[in-house]
């Protein structure tokens, strides 16, 4: 039987291959995105176990600079325990995030109608809320944490032309049409106040980019959007649903849905990211 961490490692290796060029650098694999979109990262090679030295990391960093892509490394602490030391020797700063897998026995939760009239739903390719759902994470993650912030609908409307232009919408609608990405959002009219997505590969999916507009925080929206994504993934036959929480406080929120911590996801970037 495949262990939970091995299943996640296989997923982390498979997902970037759908939209990236792959370069093998000894014990490390570098994924270089083809076209526009969120950049990828370097990580330990899946089936070439071996010690990773600071020199190995530095060589990949040189290559990332040459390509003009972020000097970013992502891995699971428990799967490659020695990598952190090698990475930190090169000057990168490592961030820790609780890695959580949904308990297979956890009940699927249906949030039902909200008293404030918001609609929590899966977004189709022609949903009028999709542009704001694409732009929203850029505002949400620019103001991390769970505190209520100042960025609201006006700031989101201004971000749409930048982060949800025609090319971004074309990519998103194509991914929806091919079943590569599922978007969910809490929508007020045609404006997403919270959005997230899951990306299924076989019987595994990761829930990512769940973010709430800072001015709309502390209303339970992220939990309901995540529940909608879980329900959709299970309806597609996905057996392993996982995510990386921003911090311990966020992890406790996801625990309400039945997510349990199985490890630590590590992200290394220059200068604290």
Protein backbone atom coordinates (compact mmCIF):
# COMPACT_ATOMS: atom_id res chain seq x y z
CA UNK A 1 0.00 0.00 0.00
CA UNK A 2 1.30 3.44 -0.91
CA UNK A 3 2.05 5.59 2.14
CA UNK A 4 0.34 9.00 2.39
CA UNK A 5 3.61 10.90 2.00
CA UNK A 6 4.65 8.83 -1.02
CA UNK A 7 1.29 9.57 -2.63
CA UNK A 8 1.86 13.30 -2.07
CA UNK A 9 5.40 13.11 -3.44
CA UNK A 10 4.11 11.47 -6.62
CA UNK A 11 1.51 14.21 -6.95
CA UNK A 12 4.06 17.02 -6.44
CA UNK A 13 6.18 15.48 -9.19
CA UNK A 14 3.29 14.91 -11.60
CA UNK A 15 1.42 18.23 -11.48
CA UNK A 16 4.15 20.53 -12.85
CA UNK A 17 4.80 18.15 -15.74
CA UNK A 18 1.42 19.13 -17.20
CA UNK A 19 2.67 22.65 -17.93
CA UNK A 20 6.43 22.76 -17.46
CA UNK A 21 9.71 21.78 -19.01
CA UNK A 22 11.60 19.41 -16.74
CA UNK A 23 15.32 19.71 -16.09
CA UNK A 24 17.18 17.11 -14.03
CA UNK A 25 20.07 18.45 -11.97
CA UNK A 26 21.54 15.49 -10.11
CA UNK A 27 19.38 14.87 -7.03
CA UNK A 28 17.13 17.85 -7.82
CA UNK A 29 14.41 18.38 -10.42
CA UNK A 30 13.70 21.86 -11.77
CA UNK A 31 10.30 22.59 -13.30
CA UNK A 32 10.23 25.55 -15.71
CA UNK A 33 6.76 26.75 -16.67
CA UNK A 34 5.99 26.88 -20.36
CA UNK A 35 3.98 30.03 -21.05
CA UNK A 36 2.37 32.38 -18.55
CA UNK A 37 1.05 31.49 -15.09
CA UNK A 38 2.32 30.90 -11.59
CA UNK A 39 6.00 29.88 -11.71
CA UNK A 40 7.10 26.45 -10.58
CA UNK A 41 10.01 25.40 -8.38
CA UNK A 42 12.82 22.93 -7.82
CA UNK A 43 12.39 19.92 -5.57
CA UNK A 44 14.09 16.61 -4.74
CA UNK A 45 14.01 14.15 -7.61
CA UNK A 46 11.27 11.58 -7.04
CA UNK A 47 13.09 8.37 -7.86
CA UNK A 48 16.74 9.40 -7.56
CA UNK A 49 17.28 9.39 -3.81
CA UNK A 50 20.56 10.66 -2.56
CA UNK A 51 22.14 13.37 -0.47
CA UNK A 52 21.66 16.94 -1.68
CA UNK A 53 24.57 19.26 -1.03
CA UNK A 54 24.71 23.04 -0.87
CA UNK A 55 26.63 22.89 -4.14
CA UNK A 56 23.72 21.04 -5.76
CA UNK A 57 21.33 23.73 -4.56
CA UNK A 58 23.61 26.51 -5.72
CA UNK A 59 23.86 25.03 -9.22
CA UNK A 60 20.08 25.00 -9.52
CA UNK A 61 19.89 28.57 -8.23
CA UNK A 62 22.35 29.66 -10.92
CA UNK A 63 20.19 27.95 -13.51
CA UNK A 64 17.03 29.64 -12.19
CA UNK A 65 18.73 33.04 -12.42
CA UNK A 66 19.84 32.23 -15.96
CA UNK A 67 16.25 31.40 -16.90
CA UNK A 68 14.83 34.43 -15.10
CA UNK A 69 12.55 32.34 -12.86
CA UNK A 70 12.18 32.57 -9.05
CA UNK A 71 14.85 30.87 -6.98
CA UNK A 72 12.32 28.72 -5.19
CA UNK A 73 12.53 25.21 -3.73
CA UNK A 74 9.61 23.22 -2.33
CA UNK A 75 9.66 19.88 -0.55
CA UNK A 76 8.26 17.82 2.33
CA UNK A 77 10.45 17.95 5.41
CA UNK A 78 9.83 14.34 6.39
CA UNK A 79 10.66 13.03 2.90
CA UNK A 80 13.96 14.91 2.55
CA UNK A 81 15.11 15.81 6.08
CA UNK A 82 18.66 16.83 5.11
CA UNK A 83 17.69 19.22 2.34
CA UNK A 84 16.91 22.12 4.67
CA UNK A 85 20.50 22.34 5.85
CA UNK A 86 21.83 22.36 2.28
CA UNK A 87 19.32 25.03 1.23
CA UNK A 88 20.01 27.29 4.19
CA UNK A 89 23.77 27.09 3.55
CA UNK A 90 23.15 28.90 0.26
CA UNK A 91 21.37 31.76 2.01
CA UNK A 92 17.76 30.90 1.22
CA UNK A 93 15.11 31.36 3.91
CA UNK A 94 12.84 28.41 4.66
CA UNK A 95 9.14 28.79 5.51
CA UNK A 96 7.15 26.03 7.22
CA UNK A 97 3.53 25.13 6.49
CA UNK A 98 1.45 22.36 8.07
CA UNK A 99 0.82 19.63 5.50
CA UNK A 100 -2.65 18.15 5.99
CA UNK A 101 -4.57 15.23 4.48
CA UNK A 102 -8.33 14.82 4.71
CA UNK A 103 -9.44 11.92 6.90
CA UNK A 104 -11.17 9.47 4.51
CA UNK A 105 -13.86 8.96 7.16
CA UNK A 106 -14.60 12.67 7.56
CA UNK A 107 -18.16 13.48 6.46
CA UNK A 108 -18.64 15.67 3.42
CA UNK A 109 -20.06 18.95 4.63
CA UNK A 110 -22.78 20.89 2.82
CA UNK A 111 -22.79 24.50 4.06
CA UNK A 112 -26.26 25.15 2.67
CA UNK A 113 -27.63 28.65 2.00
CA UNK A 114 -25.96 31.51 3.82
CA UNK A 115 -28.04 34.08 5.72
CA UNK A 116 -26.16 36.92 4.01
CA UNK A 117 -27.28 35.83 0.57
CA UNK A 118 -23.85 34.78 -0.69
CA UNK A 119 -23.61 31.83 -3.04
CA UNK A 120 -20.85 29.26 -2.44
CA UNK A 121 -20.44 27.32 -5.68
CA UNK A 122 -18.20 25.63 -8.20
CA UNK A 123 -17.42 28.04 -11.03
CA UNK A 124 -17.96 27.03 -14.63
CA UNK A 125 -15.87 28.38 -17.48
CA UNK A 126 -18.52 31.00 -18.26
CA UNK A 127 -19.30 32.01 -14.68
CA UNK A 128 -19.32 35.83 -14.40
CA UNK A 129 -17.51 35.56 -11.05
CA UNK A 130 -14.47 33.80 -12.55
CA UNK A 131 -12.47 37.00 -13.29
CA UNK A 132 -12.70 38.18 -9.67
CA UNK A 133 -11.92 34.64 -8.45
CA UNK A 134 -8.69 34.72 -10.48
CA UNK A 135 -7.65 38.15 -9.23
CA UNK A 136 -8.63 37.64 -5.59
CA UNK A 137 -5.64 35.51 -4.44
CA UNK A 138 -3.24 38.31 -5.36
CA UNK A 139 -4.95 40.59 -2.84
CA UNK A 140 -5.53 37.89 -0.24
CA UNK A 141 -1.93 36.69 -0.13
CA UNK A 142 -0.52 40.21 -0.20
CA UNK A 143 -2.13 40.56 3.23
CA UNK A 144 -1.51 37.17 4.87
CA UNK A 145 -3.18 35.89 8.00
CA UNK A 146 -6.78 35.95 9.13
CA UNK A 147 -7.14 39.55 10.29
CA UNK A 148 -9.71 41.76 8.60
CA UNK A 149 -7.97 44.11 6.18
CA UNK A 150 -8.78 47.14 4.10
CA UNK A 151 -8.70 45.70 0.58
CA UNK A 152 -12.30 45.25 -0.56
CA UNK A 153 -14.45 45.11 -3.70
CA UNK A 154 -13.05 48.34 -5.15
CA UNK A 155 -9.47 47.11 -4.90
CA UNK A 156 -10.55 43.75 -6.33
CA UNK A 157 -12.19 45.43 -9.32
CA UNK A 158 -8.97 47.33 -9.97
CA UNK A 159 -6.96 44.08 -9.82
CA UNK A 160 -9.11 42.22 -12.36
CA UNK A 161 -7.62 43.86 -15.51
CA UNK A 162 -4.13 43.04 -14.25
CA UNK A 163 -4.57 39.47 -12.97
CA UNK A 164 -7.60 38.28 -14.95
CA UNK A 165 -6.85 39.61 -18.41
CA UNK A 166 -7.91 37.76 -21.55
CA UNK A 167 -4.87 35.46 -21.51
CA UNK A 168 -5.39 34.50 -17.85
CA UNK A 169 -9.09 33.86 -18.46
CA UNK A 170 -8.29 31.75 -21.50
CA UNK A 171 -5.89 29.60 -19.47
CA UNK A 172 -8.38 29.21 -16.63
CA UNK A 173 -11.30 28.31 -18.88
CA UNK A 174 -9.15 25.78 -20.73
CA UNK A 175 -8.09 24.14 -17.46
CA UNK A 176 -11.72 24.02 -16.33
CA UNK A 177 -12.83 22.53 -19.64
CA UNK A 178 -10.14 19.82 -19.53
CA UNK A 179 -10.81 19.01 -15.86
CA UNK A 180 -7.34 20.08 -14.77
CA UNK A 181 -8.54 22.70 -12.27
CA UNK A 182 -11.77 23.19 -10.36
CA UNK A 183 -12.53 26.66 -9.00
CA UNK A 184 -14.93 27.38 -6.14
CA UNK A 185 -15.93 30.73 -4.70
CA UNK A 186 -18.20 32.52 -2.25
CA UNK A 187 -19.91 35.01 -4.54
CA UNK A 188 -21.80 38.22 -3.87
CA UNK A 189 -23.60 39.04 -7.10
CA UNK A 190 -20.81 38.54 -9.62
CA UNK A 191 -17.93 39.27 -7.21
CA UNK A 192 -15.95 36.51 -5.51
CA UNK A 193 -15.22 37.36 -1.87
CA UNK A 194 -13.36 34.10 -1.27
CA UNK A 195 -11.99 31.66 -3.82
CA UNK A 196 -9.89 28.52 -4.10
CA UNK A 197 -9.21 25.61 -6.39
CA UNK A 198 -8.28 21.98 -6.51
CA UNK A 199 -6.18 20.25 -9.15
CA UNK A 200 -6.95 16.53 -9.54
CA UNK A 201 -4.38 14.08 -10.86
CA UNK A 202 -5.66 10.52 -10.81
CA UNK A 203 -7.18 9.83 -7.40
CA UNK A 204 -5.28 12.63 -5.62
CA UNK A 205 -5.83 16.37 -5.50
CA UNK A 206 -4.40 19.37 -3.71
CA UNK A 207 -6.58 22.24 -2.56
CA UNK A 208 -4.66 25.45 -3.23
CA UNK A 209 -4.96 29.23 -3.36
CA UNK A 210 -7.87 29.47 -0.92
CA UNK A 211 -7.95 33.17 -0.08
CA UNK A 212 -10.49 35.64 1.24
CA UNK A 213 -10.72 39.29 0.30
CA UNK A 214 -9.20 41.00 3.37
CA UNK A 215 -12.29 43.14 4.04
CA UNK A 216 -14.51 40.01 3.98
CA UNK A 217 -12.55 37.90 6.47
CA UNK A 218 -13.83 36.19 9.62
CA UNK A 219 -17.16 35.20 8.10
CA UNK A 220 -16.38 31.51 7.61
CA UNK A 221 -16.01 31.86 3.86
CA UNK A 222 -12.70 30.00 3.48
CA UNK A 223 -14.10 27.01 5.35
CA UNK A 224 -17.17 26.87 3.12
CA UNK A 225 -15.18 27.24 -0.09
CA UNK A 226 -12.85 24.46 1.05
CA UNK A 227 -15.86 22.27 1.89
CA UNK A 228 -17.24 22.86 -1.61
CA UNK A 229 -13.90 21.84 -3.14
CA UNK A 230 -13.77 18.70 -0.98
CA UNK A 231 -17.29 17.74 -2.01
CA UNK A 232 -16.45 18.22 -5.68
CA UNK A 233 -13.21 16.22 -5.42
CA UNK A 234 -14.99 13.33 -3.72
CA UNK A 235 -17.74 13.40 -6.35
CA UNK A 236 -15.01 12.82 -8.95
CA UNK A 237 -13.68 9.78 -7.12
CA UNK A 238 -10.65 11.47 -5.57
CA UNK A 239 -9.41 9.43 -2.61
CA UNK A 240 -6.60 11.61 -1.26
CA UNK A 241 -7.34 15.30 -0.68
CA UNK A 242 -4.57 17.42 0.85
CA UNK A 243 -3.45 20.99 1.40
CA UNK A 244 -0.74 23.12 2.98
CA UNK A 245 -2.02 25.51 5.63
CA UNK A 246 -0.56 28.98 5.96
CA UNK A 247 0.18 28.52 9.67
CA UNK A 248 -1.05 26.77 12.79
CA UNK A 249 -4.08 29.05 13.16
CA UNK A 250 -5.22 28.28 9.62
CA UNK A 251 -4.52 24.57 10.18
CA UNK A 252 -6.94 24.55 13.09
CA UNK A 253 -9.64 25.93 10.80
CA UNK A 254 -9.09 23.15 8.26
CA UNK A 255 -9.14 20.58 11.05
CA UNK A 256 -12.86 21.35 11.44
CA UNK A 257 -13.41 19.72 8.04
CA UNK A 258 -11.43 16.63 8.99
CA UNK A 259 -7.96 17.51 7.72
CA UNK A 260 -5.15 15.99 9.80
CA UNK A 261 -1.51 16.99 9.82
CA UNK A 262 0.83 14.44 8.25
CA UNK A 263 3.99 16.49 7.84
CA UNK A 264 5.50 19.88 7.05
CA UNK A 265 5.68 21.50 3.63
CA UNK A 266 8.80 23.66 3.24
CA UNK A 267 9.30 26.53 0.83
CA UNK A 268 12.70 28.20 0.42
CA UNK A 269 13.13 31.61 -1.18
CA UNK A 270 15.70 34.40 -1.13
CA UNK A 271 15.49 37.14 1.47
CA UNK A 272 12.51 35.81 3.35
CA UNK A 273 10.22 35.72 0.29
